[in-house]
Amino acid sequence: MRQAVDVLAVFDIGAMSPRPIRFKVLEHGIKTTVRVTDIRNIEWMGAGGSTRIEYDCFTVSEGRRIEYKLFYYYRECRWELEAS
């Protein structure tokens, strides 16, 4: 399931893609802040004139590892989250 999320990201000088730091996700009607612990893989995808960057990430929260993907749609400047 995908949902739009607000992301705080760093755009480093010389880097090809922004680096997500944390994001806010809506859970049970409440926005929760999640810190991106690690990014395992970054992949650029493109089809039909739409470019997106896929981030394969995980976060450690309360002793458990949560895996998810963040998608950055380059031209639209928007983020989506897909939880595993």
C-alpha atoms as a PDB file:
ATOM      1  CA  MET A   1       0.000   0.000   0.000  1.00  0.00           C
ATOM      2  CA  ARG A   2       1.385   3.401  -0.988  1.00  0.00           C
ATOM      3  CA  GLN A   3       0.685   6.724   0.612  1.00  0.00           C
ATOM      4  CA  ALA A   4       1.962  10.261   0.156  1.00  0.00           C
ATOM      5  CA  VAL A   5       4.352  11.382   2.895  1.00  0.00           C
ATOM      6  CA  ASP A   6       6.088  14.578   3.968  1.00  0.00           C
ATOM      7  CA  VAL A   7       9.863  14.039   3.850  1.00  0.00           C
ATOM      8  CA  LEU A   8      12.764  16.022   5.234  1.00  0.00           C
ATOM      9  CA  ALA A   9      15.609  15.426   2.769  1.00  0.00           C
ATOM     10  CA  VAL A  10      19.094  16.792   2.221  1.00  0.00           C
ATOM     11  CA  PHE A  11      20.194  17.844  -1.247  1.00  0.00           C
ATOM     12  CA  ASP A  12      23.993  17.551  -0.998  1.00  0.00           C
ATOM     13  CA  ILE A  13      26.164  19.484  -3.441  1.00  0.00           C
ATOM     14  CA  GLY A  14      27.322  17.148  -6.189  1.00  0.00           C
ATOM     15  CA  ALA A  15      24.990  14.295  -5.194  1.00  0.00           C
ATOM     16  CA  MET A  16      22.765  12.775  -7.855  1.00  0.00           C
ATOM     17  CA  SER A  17      19.744  12.319  -5.591  1.00  0.00           C
ATOM     18  CA  PRO A  18      18.316  13.810  -2.390  1.00  0.00           C
ATOM     19  CA  ARG A  19      18.951  11.880   0.840  1.00  0.00           C
ATOM     20  CA  PRO A  20      15.841  11.359   3.004  1.00  0.00           C
ATOM     21  CA  ILE A  21      16.433  11.960   6.719  1.00  0.00           C
ATOM     22  CA  ARG A  22      12.963  11.476   8.205  1.00  0.00           C
ATOM     23  CA  PHE A  23       9.329  11.503   7.139  1.00  0.00           C
ATOM     24  CA  LYS A  24       5.845  11.843   8.564  1.00  0.00           C
ATOM     25  CA  VAL A  25       3.366   9.035   8.003  1.00  0.00           C
ATOM     26  CA  LEU A  26      -0.339   8.960   8.830  1.00  0.00           C
ATOM     27  CA  GLU A  27      -1.180   6.040  11.156  1.00  0.00           C
ATOM     28  CA  HIS A  28      -4.650   5.680  12.669  1.00  0.00           C
ATOM     29  CA  GLY A  29      -5.384   9.355  12.025  1.00  0.00           C
ATOM     30  CA  ILE A  30      -2.177  10.559  13.728  1.00  0.00           C
ATOM     31  CA  LYS A  31       0.960  11.795  11.943  1.00  0.00           C
ATOM     32  CA  THR A  32       4.049   9.993  13.244  1.00  0.00           C
ATOM     33  CA  THR A  33       7.651  10.988  12.513  1.00  0.00           C
ATOM     34  CA  VAL A  34       9.944   8.159  11.359  1.00  0.00           C
ATOM     35  CA  ARG A  35      13.736   8.532  11.143  1.00  0.00           C
ATOM     36  CA  VAL A  36      15.429   6.833   8.186  1.00  0.00           C
ATOM     37  CA  THR A  37      18.062   4.628   9.853  1.00  0.00           C
ATOM     38  CA  ASP A  38      19.712   3.229   6.716  1.00  0.00           C
ATOM     39  CA  ILE A  39      19.354   3.321   2.937  1.00  0.00           C
ATOM     40  CA  ARG A  40      20.405   0.004   1.408  1.00  0.00           C
ATOM     41  CA  ASN A  41      19.896   0.827  -2.257  1.00  0.00           C
ATOM     42  CA  ILE A  42      19.023   3.812  -4.463  1.00  0.00           C
ATOM     43  CA  GLU A  43      17.715   3.154  -7.960  1.00  0.00           C
ATOM     44  CA  TRP A  44      16.684   5.587 -10.677  1.00  0.00           C
ATOM     45  CA  MET A  45      13.631   4.483 -12.647  1.00  0.00           C
ATOM     46  CA  GLY A  46      12.125   6.121 -15.696  1.00  0.00           C
ATOM     47  CA  ALA A  47       9.260   5.385 -18.066  1.00  0.00           C
ATOM     48  CA  GLY A  48       7.049   7.569 -20.201  1.00  0.00           C
ATOM     49  CA  GLY A  49       8.825  10.787 -19.279  1.00  0.00           C
ATOM     50  CA  SER A  50       8.307  10.214 -15.545  1.00  0.00           C
ATOM     51  CA  THR A  51      11.484   9.819 -13.485  1.00  0.00           C
ATOM     52  CA  ARG A  52      11.419   8.486  -9.959  1.00  0.00           C
ATOM     53  CA  ILE A  53      14.048   7.482  -7.459  1.00  0.00           C
ATOM     54  CA  GLU A  54      13.432   4.359  -5.352  1.00  0.00           C
ATOM     55  CA  TYR A  55      15.039   4.167  -1.914  1.00  0.00           C
ATOM     56  CA  ASP A  56      15.172   0.738  -0.271  1.00  0.00           C
ATOM     57  CA  CYS A  57      15.306   1.670   3.437  1.00  0.00           C
ATOM     58  CA  PHE A  58      14.874   0.384   6.944  1.00  0.00           C
ATOM     59  CA  THR A  59      14.346   1.859  10.390  1.00  0.00           C
ATOM     60  CA  VAL A  60      14.954   0.334  13.795  1.00  0.00           C
ATOM     61  CA  SER A  61      12.134   1.287  16.168  1.00  0.00           C
ATOM     62  CA  GLU A  62      11.510  -0.167  19.620  1.00  0.00           C
ATOM     63  CA  GLY A  63      13.935  -3.004  18.918  1.00  0.00           C
ATOM     64  CA  ARG A  64      12.332  -4.112  15.658  1.00  0.00           C
ATOM     65  CA  ARG A  65      13.458  -3.567  12.113  1.00  0.00           C
ATOM     66  CA  ILE A  66      10.924  -2.010   9.740  1.00  0.00           C
ATOM     67  CA  GLU A  67      11.612  -2.251   5.996  1.00  0.00           C
ATOM     68  CA  TYR A  68      10.011   0.068   3.457  1.00  0.00           C
ATOM     69  CA  LYS A  69      10.550   1.892   0.168  1.00  0.00           C
ATOM     70  CA  LEU A  70      10.448   5.609  -0.395  1.00  0.00           C
ATOM     71  CA  PHE A  71       9.745   6.917  -3.889  1.00  0.00           C
ATOM     72  CA  TYR A  72      10.736  10.410  -5.005  1.00  0.00           C
ATOM     73  CA  TYR A  73       8.989  11.592  -8.162  1.00  0.00           C
ATOM     74  CA  TYR A  74      11.581  13.939  -9.586  1.00  0.00           C
ATOM     75  CA  ARG A  75       9.480  16.213 -11.809  1.00  0.00           C
ATOM     76  CA  GLU A  76       6.552  16.448  -9.403  1.00  0.00           C
ATOM     77  CA  CYS A  77       8.800  16.920  -6.314  1.00  0.00           C
ATOM     78  CA  ARG A  78       6.673  14.510  -4.279  1.00  0.00           C
ATOM     79  CA  TRP A  79       7.335  11.503  -2.046  1.00  0.00           C
ATOM     80  CA  GLU A  80       5.451   8.250  -1.523  1.00  0.00           C
ATOM     81  CA  LEU A  81       5.944   5.462   0.997  1.00  0.00           C
ATOM     82  CA  GLU A  82       5.409   1.746   0.384  1.00  0.00           C
ATOM     83  CA  ALA A  83       5.563  -0.350   3.558  1.00  0.00           C
ATOM     84  CA  SER A  84       6.420  -4.047   3.459  1.00  0.00           C
END
